[in-house]
Amino acid sequence: MPLSDQSFVRRELDFPGALRQGASGAAVKRVQEWLGYHGNGTPIDGKFGPGTDRALQGFAARKRIAYAGEVGPAQWAALTEPLARVLGAGANAPAGKPYPQLVRWFAEQHLLAHPIELGGANRGPWVRFYMKGSEGESMLWCAGFVSTVLRQ
């Protein structure tokens, strides 16, 4: 099964449905994490309030995408694009390279995306991606990073 088809990856990338002020829950938390990743930080509390709305306005302006008070498919795709790009890197992998060179190439693709923790130690979409959906203090994601690169 391709890495991009696994359920923990789909949970990170699949559009969760429209979100607007007053919404709360895991999908809002993911929006807030990605906003922080893109430099439009807001508290990661899972509550879509005025701070999240302002951060989305700033993000949309920087990315030159429309935002009318609701996170729709276009905003979600722009937020999660770095992870989607890393997953799609296989389509651009250099052909005919020996395995060690391919491993290095894939690792470089991940590092170019600047995977970071968001919302605390060993937390956020990158950690969940590398740790097959898990996050938290016990999830030391460096091993997950290496395993993911090798699987790709």
C-alpha atoms as a PDB file:
ATOM      1  CA  MET A   1       0.000   0.000   0.000  1.00  0.00           C
ATOM      2  CA  PRO A   2       1.460   3.390  -0.952  1.00  0.00           C
ATOM      3  CA  LEU A   3       2.348   5.599   1.986  1.00  0.00           C
ATOM      4  CA  SER A   4      -0.111   8.268   0.782  1.00  0.00           C
ATOM      5  CA  ASP A   5      -3.033   5.809   1.072  1.00  0.00           C
ATOM      6  CA  GLN A   6      -2.484   4.916   4.717  1.00  0.00           C
ATOM      7  CA  SER A   7      -5.225   6.103   7.083  1.00  0.00           C
ATOM      8  CA  PHE A   8      -2.953   8.206   9.304  1.00  0.00           C
ATOM      9  CA  VAL A   9      -1.754  10.124   6.232  1.00  0.00           C
ATOM     10  CA  ARG A  10      -5.300  10.573   4.934  1.00  0.00           C
ATOM     11  CA  ARG A  11      -6.318  12.018   8.341  1.00  0.00           C
ATOM     12  CA  GLU A  12      -3.662  14.697   7.911  1.00  0.00           C
ATOM     13  CA  LEU A  13      -4.364  15.577   4.288  1.00  0.00           C
ATOM     14  CA  ASP A  14      -8.051  14.948   3.590  1.00  0.00           C
ATOM     15  CA  PHE A  15     -10.220  18.056   3.761  1.00  0.00           C
ATOM     16  CA  PRO A  16     -12.234  17.788   7.004  1.00  0.00           C
ATOM     17  CA  GLY A  17     -15.135  19.933   5.787  1.00  0.00           C
ATOM     18  CA  ALA A  18     -15.743  23.663   5.988  1.00  0.00           C
ATOM     19  CA  LEU A  19     -14.614  25.350   9.210  1.00  0.00           C
ATOM     20  CA  ARG A  20     -15.538  28.811  10.464  1.00  0.00           C
ATOM     21  CA  GLN A  21     -15.616  30.806  13.683  1.00  0.00           C
ATOM     22  CA  GLY A  22     -17.306  28.863  16.449  1.00  0.00           C
ATOM     23  CA  ALA A  23     -16.038  25.476  15.224  1.00  0.00           C
ATOM     24  CA  SER A  24     -13.935  23.371  17.550  1.00  0.00           C
ATOM     25  CA  GLY A  25     -12.171  20.046  17.603  1.00  0.00           C
ATOM     26  CA  ALA A  26      -9.341  18.140  15.957  1.00  0.00           C
ATOM     27  CA  ALA A  27      -9.820  19.697  12.502  1.00  0.00           C
ATOM     28  CA  VAL A  28      -9.512  23.215  13.934  1.00  0.00           C
ATOM     29  CA  LYS A  29      -6.414  22.128  15.851  1.00  0.00           C
ATOM     30  CA  ARG A  30      -4.883  20.912  12.586  1.00  0.00           C
ATOM     31  CA  VAL A  31      -5.645  24.244  10.916  1.00  0.00           C
ATOM     32  CA  GLN A  32      -3.977  26.044  13.819  1.00  0.00           C
ATOM     33  CA  GLU A  33      -0.929  23.770  13.617  1.00  0.00           C
ATOM     34  CA  TRP A  34      -0.511  24.400   9.912  1.00  0.00           C
ATOM     35  CA  LEU A  35      -0.972  28.138  10.417  1.00  0.00           C
ATOM     36  CA  GLY A  36       1.909  28.019  12.893  1.00  0.00           C
ATOM     37  CA  TYR A  37       4.020  26.068  10.428  1.00  0.00           C
ATOM     38  CA  HIS A  38       3.446  28.776   7.811  1.00  0.00           C
ATOM     39  CA  GLY A  39       4.357  31.580  10.214  1.00  0.00           C
ATOM     40  CA  ASN A  40       0.816  32.705  11.002  1.00  0.00           C
ATOM     41  CA  GLY A  41       0.785  31.411  14.542  1.00  0.00           C
ATOM     42  CA  THR A  42      -2.226  31.313  16.779  1.00  0.00           C
ATOM     43  CA  PRO A  43      -2.790  29.313  19.960  1.00  0.00           C
ATOM     44  CA  ILE A  44      -3.318  25.628  19.200  1.00  0.00           C
ATOM     45  CA  ASP A  45      -6.389  25.073  21.324  1.00  0.00           C
ATOM     46  CA  GLY A  46      -8.848  23.529  18.847  1.00  0.00           C
ATOM     47  CA  LYS A  47     -11.181  26.551  19.078  1.00  0.00           C
ATOM     48  CA  PHE A  48     -11.819  28.645  15.976  1.00  0.00           C
ATOM     49  CA  GLY A  49     -12.048  32.165  17.332  1.00  0.00           C
ATOM     50  CA  PRO A  50     -10.997  35.649  16.205  1.00  0.00           C
ATOM     51  CA  GLY A  51      -7.270  34.837  16.533  1.00  0.00           C
ATOM     52  CA  THR A  52      -7.550  31.868  14.192  1.00  0.00           C
ATOM     53  CA  ASP A  53      -9.601  33.972  11.792  1.00  0.00           C
ATOM     54  CA  ARG A  54      -6.939  36.731  11.750  1.00  0.00           C
ATOM     55  CA  ALA A  55      -4.190  34.151  11.217  1.00  0.00           C
ATOM     56  CA  LEU A  56      -6.129  32.665   8.289  1.00  0.00           C
ATOM     57  CA  GLN A  57      -6.599  36.127   6.784  1.00  0.00           C
ATOM     58  CA  GLY A  58      -2.837  36.718   6.957  1.00  0.00           C
ATOM     59  CA  PHE A  59      -2.053  33.295   5.533  1.00  0.00           C
ATOM     60  CA  ALA A  60      -4.521  33.734   2.667  1.00  0.00           C
ATOM     61  CA  ALA A  61      -3.129  37.166   1.836  1.00  0.00           C
ATOM     62  CA  ARG A  62       0.443  35.835   1.769  1.00  0.00           C
ATOM     63  CA  LYS A  63      -0.517  32.856  -0.396  1.00  0.00           C
ATOM     64  CA  ARG A  64      -2.818  34.970  -2.570  1.00  0.00           C
ATOM     65  CA  ILE A  65      -5.826  32.735  -2.062  1.00  0.00           C
ATOM     66  CA  ALA A  66      -9.355  33.822  -1.290  1.00  0.00           C
ATOM     67  CA  TYR A  67     -10.603  33.651   2.282  1.00  0.00           C
ATOM     68  CA  ALA A  68     -14.124  34.690   3.244  1.00  0.00           C
ATOM     69  CA  GLY A  69     -14.220  33.589   6.887  1.00  0.00           C
ATOM     70  CA  GLU A  70     -14.332  29.871   6.144  1.00  0.00           C
ATOM     71  CA  VAL A  71     -11.639  27.252   5.615  1.00  0.00           C
ATOM     72  CA  GLY A  72     -12.606  25.498   2.414  1.00  0.00           C
ATOM     73  CA  PRO A  73     -10.796  23.023   0.168  1.00  0.00           C
ATOM     74  CA  ALA A  74      -8.490  25.656  -1.362  1.00  0.00           C
ATOM     75  CA  GLN A  75      -7.312  26.957   2.014  1.00  0.00           C
ATOM     76  CA  TRP A  76      -6.887  23.412   3.365  1.00  0.00           C
ATOM     77  CA  ALA A  77      -4.833  22.385   0.321  1.00  0.00           C
ATOM     78  CA  ALA A  78      -2.607  25.439   0.704  1.00  0.00           C
ATOM     79  CA  LEU A  79      -2.114  24.757   4.421  1.00  0.00           C
ATOM     80  CA  THR A  80      -1.210  21.092   3.951  1.00  0.00           C
ATOM     81  CA  GLU A  81       0.733  21.510   0.702  1.00  0.00           C
ATOM     82  CA  PRO A  82       4.180  20.879   2.264  1.00  0.00           C
ATOM     83  CA  LEU A  83       3.167  17.430   3.490  1.00  0.00           C
ATOM     84  CA  ALA A  84       1.403  16.622   0.215  1.00  0.00           C
ATOM     85  CA  ARG A  85       4.534  17.687  -1.682  1.00  0.00           C
ATOM     86  CA  VAL A  86       6.760  15.385   0.394  1.00  0.00           C
ATOM     87  CA  LEU A  87       4.371  12.491  -0.216  1.00  0.00           C
ATOM     88  CA  GLY A  88       4.367  13.159  -3.943  1.00  0.00           C
ATOM     89  CA  ALA A  89       8.154  13.314  -4.137  1.00  0.00           C
ATOM     90  CA  GLY A  90       8.299   9.708  -5.291  1.00  0.00           C
ATOM     91  CA  ALA A  91       6.899  10.703  -8.671  1.00  0.00           C
ATOM     92  CA  ASN A  92       9.997  12.870  -9.193  1.00  0.00           C
ATOM     93  CA  ALA A  93      12.588  10.475  -7.761  1.00  0.00           C
ATOM     94  CA  PRO A  94      15.661  10.165  -9.951  1.00  0.00           C
ATOM     95  CA  ALA A  95      15.561   6.943 -11.951  1.00  0.00           C
ATOM     96  CA  GLY A  96      18.400   4.475 -11.958  1.00  0.00           C
ATOM     97  CA  LYS A  97      20.042   5.680  -8.752  1.00  0.00           C
ATOM     98  CA  PRO A  98      21.478   3.188  -6.284  1.00  0.00           C
ATOM     99  CA  TYR A  99      19.439   2.698  -3.100  1.00  0.00           C
ATOM    100  CA  PRO A 100      21.737   4.782  -0.820  1.00  0.00           C
ATOM    101  CA  GLN A 101      21.483   7.751  -3.195  1.00  0.00           C
ATOM    102  CA  LEU A 102      17.688   7.419  -3.365  1.00  0.00           C
ATOM    103  CA  VAL A 103      17.461   7.348   0.431  1.00  0.00           C
ATOM    104  CA  ARG A 104      19.514  10.518   0.615  1.00  0.00           C
ATOM    105  CA  TRP A 105      17.385  12.169  -2.092  1.00  0.00           C
ATOM    106  CA  PHE A 106      14.143  11.353  -0.234  1.00  0.00           C
ATOM    107  CA  ALA A 107      15.611  12.568   3.066  1.00  0.00           C
ATOM    108  CA  GLU A 108      16.572  15.838   1.398  1.00  0.00           C
ATOM    109  CA  GLN A 109      13.011  16.277   0.085  1.00  0.00           C
ATOM    110  CA  HIS A 110      11.694  15.945   3.627  1.00  0.00           C
ATOM    111  CA  LEU A 111      14.297  18.310   5.060  1.00  0.00           C
ATOM    112  CA  LEU A 112      13.504  20.918   2.388  1.00  0.00           C
ATOM    113  CA  ALA A 113       9.941  20.973   3.780  1.00  0.00           C
ATOM    114  CA  HIS A 114      11.335  21.852   7.242  1.00  0.00           C
ATOM    115  CA  PRO A 115       9.306  19.385   9.323  1.00  0.00           C
ATOM    116  CA  ILE A 116       8.889  20.740  12.848  1.00  0.00           C
ATOM    117  CA  GLU A 117       6.999  20.085  16.062  1.00  0.00           C
ATOM    118  CA  LEU A 118       3.883  22.206  16.517  1.00  0.00           C
ATOM    119  CA  GLY A 119       1.827  22.533  19.685  1.00  0.00           C
ATOM    120  CA  GLY A 120       4.418  21.068  22.033  1.00  0.00           C
ATOM    121  CA  ALA A 121       7.195  18.524  22.218  1.00  0.00           C
ATOM    122  CA  ASN A 122       6.705  15.632  19.810  1.00  0.00           C
ATOM    123  CA  ARG A 123       3.380  17.024  18.567  1.00  0.00           C
ATOM    124  CA  GLY A 124       1.904  18.265  15.321  1.00  0.00           C
ATOM    125  CA  PRO A 125       1.212  17.037  11.794  1.00  0.00           C
ATOM    126  CA  TRP A 126       4.818  16.163  10.979  1.00  0.00           C
ATOM    127  CA  VAL A 127       5.189  14.103  14.132  1.00  0.00           C
ATOM    128  CA  ARG A 128       1.894  12.296  13.469  1.00  0.00           C
ATOM    129  CA  PHE A 129       2.984  11.652   9.889  1.00  0.00           C
ATOM    130  CA  TYR A 130       6.329  10.173  10.871  1.00  0.00           C
ATOM    131  CA  MET A 131       4.877   8.276  13.857  1.00  0.00           C
ATOM    132  CA  LYS A 132       1.952   6.675  11.961  1.00  0.00           C
ATOM    133  CA  GLY A 133      -0.707   8.833  13.591  1.00  0.00           C
ATOM    134  CA  SER A 134       0.744   9.045  17.124  1.00  0.00           C
ATOM    135  CA  GLU A 135       2.168  12.020  18.964  1.00  0.00           C
ATOM    136  CA  GLY A 136       3.174  12.956  22.503  1.00  0.00           C
ATOM    137  CA  GLU A 137       6.075  12.911  24.903  1.00  0.00           C
ATOM    138  CA  SER A 138       6.988   9.280  24.189  1.00  0.00           C
ATOM    139  CA  MET A 139       6.962   9.727  20.402  1.00  0.00           C
ATOM    140  CA  LEU A 140      10.572  10.498  19.579  1.00  0.00           C
ATOM    141  CA  TRP A 141       9.975  11.144  15.917  1.00  0.00           C
ATOM    142  CA  CYS A 142      13.560  11.052  14.628  1.00  0.00           C
ATOM    143  CA  ALA A 143      13.270   7.264  14.192  1.00  0.00           C
ATOM    144  CA  GLY A 144       9.899   7.738  12.508  1.00  0.00           C
ATOM    145  CA  PHE A 145      11.481  10.222  10.108  1.00  0.00           C
ATOM    146  CA  VAL A 146      14.149   7.696   9.115  1.00  0.00           C
ATOM    147  CA  SER A 147      11.624   4.855   8.772  1.00  0.00           C
ATOM    148  CA  THR A 148       9.360   7.002   6.580  1.00  0.00           C
ATOM    149  CA  VAL A 149      12.241   7.982   4.308  1.00  0.00           C
ATOM    150  CA  LEU A 150      13.261   4.332   3.951  1.00  0.00           C
ATOM    151  CA  ARG A 151       9.656   3.299   3.159  1.00  0.00           C
ATOM    152  CA  GLN A 152       9.392   5.921   0.439  1.00  0.00           C
END
